[in-house]
Amino acid sequence: ATVLTMQLSEDVEQVPENATDEGEGEMEDHEDTSSVILPDSELGSGAPYLRFSKTCLKNVFSVILLFIYLLLMAVAVFLVYQTITDFREKLKHPVMSVSYKEVSLYDAPGIAFYPGKARLLSCKHHYYDHIPPLTNPGQPGKIECTTQRINYTDPFTNQTMKYALVVQGPRDVKKKELVFLQFHLNGTDQDFSAIDYLLFSSFQEFINSPEKAEFMKDCESSYSSWKFSGGFRTWVKMSLVKTKEEDGSETVEFKQETSVVNYIDQRTKPRSDQLFFVVFEWKDPFIQTVQDIITANPWNMIALLCGIFLALFKAADFAKLSVKWMIKIRKRHLKRRSQVMNHIS
């Protein structure tokens, strides 16, 4: 009797259900009949009792799936944290965006010269990079450029008066329009002779400005100045860069490439004066626009977070149902075992 009791307690599903379990439903009956013990007559003489339990396999697979979904939930939580962190970093560190706009005509820039004691001898617009040879170097020639002379106080000292000669720059970039200027300096007490100049974005704005002195003071405060030396021909190729600030304002600056060629003075008599030659031309027809952009897209982040949270809720729901199902199977197993023990008693 003791041996029989042990065998029955280990193999619970050998005993058929009592009449009290008939009301548990068709699904329970199906689960109960899934575990059977094959008698020795069916297995052959000498073979041990074998048991194949589908319920046990389902429990194992449920536990494995539960761990997989818990792992997926951990990955989803990490992705949420990483997404929010990346979004905050991108907000703090915007990316500089550079775009190029091609134009056929530029707004004519203003070229402000500070010649000092030097005198403008000639000024002319040429096209297709063609500059004819000088006929009378050092002698006054034609001034065919639009010029404006202006006096204003130095914006940095507010005491020194400055004299500027403002010349209209080239416009037609497709025809390679350039401006060629010649200056003459009769004598200087310095070891080196040079003329300062600066570029600003619009000569027309300078002409239309009611306060030209204030306009030039603002330009000198905002733009950089350069020099070109006497005894050389300085070729300046300009490019325009526009920068959009965070407040929506736009600033303009010039980038330039210069090349210097030595001037061979072929005048008959030795001279103590200095000649200055300078050429201004646009480098290319592209206006460069620079602005800071934030690469983080809030809508993409929201969509990603929604997908992650949906996966989390689905995983949590599956885990809850799996736990409930295992608890239910465990209760059924304990109930059957109790019934078998009562039957034996």
Foldseek 3Di string as FASTA:
>chain_A
DVVVLVVCLVQLLADDDDPVCPPVDDVVVVQSVQWHWDDCVVVDPPDDIDIDHPVVVVLVVLVVVLVVLVVLLVVLVVVLVVLVVVQVVLVVDFDKDKDKDFDQWAAWKKKKKQQPQKDWQEKDKDFPPDDDDDDDPPHHDYHPWDKDKDWAAALVPSPDITIIIITTAGIGQVRFIKMKIKIKFQADPDPFDKMKMWIDRHPVCLVPDPCNRVVVNVRPVQADMDIFGWQKEKEKAKAKEWEADPVGDIDIYIDIDIDIGGDDDPDDDDGNMTMYMYMYTHPHRIHMYMYTDRPDDVVVSVVSSVVSVVSSVVSVVSSVVSVVVVVVVVVVSVVSSVVSVVVVD
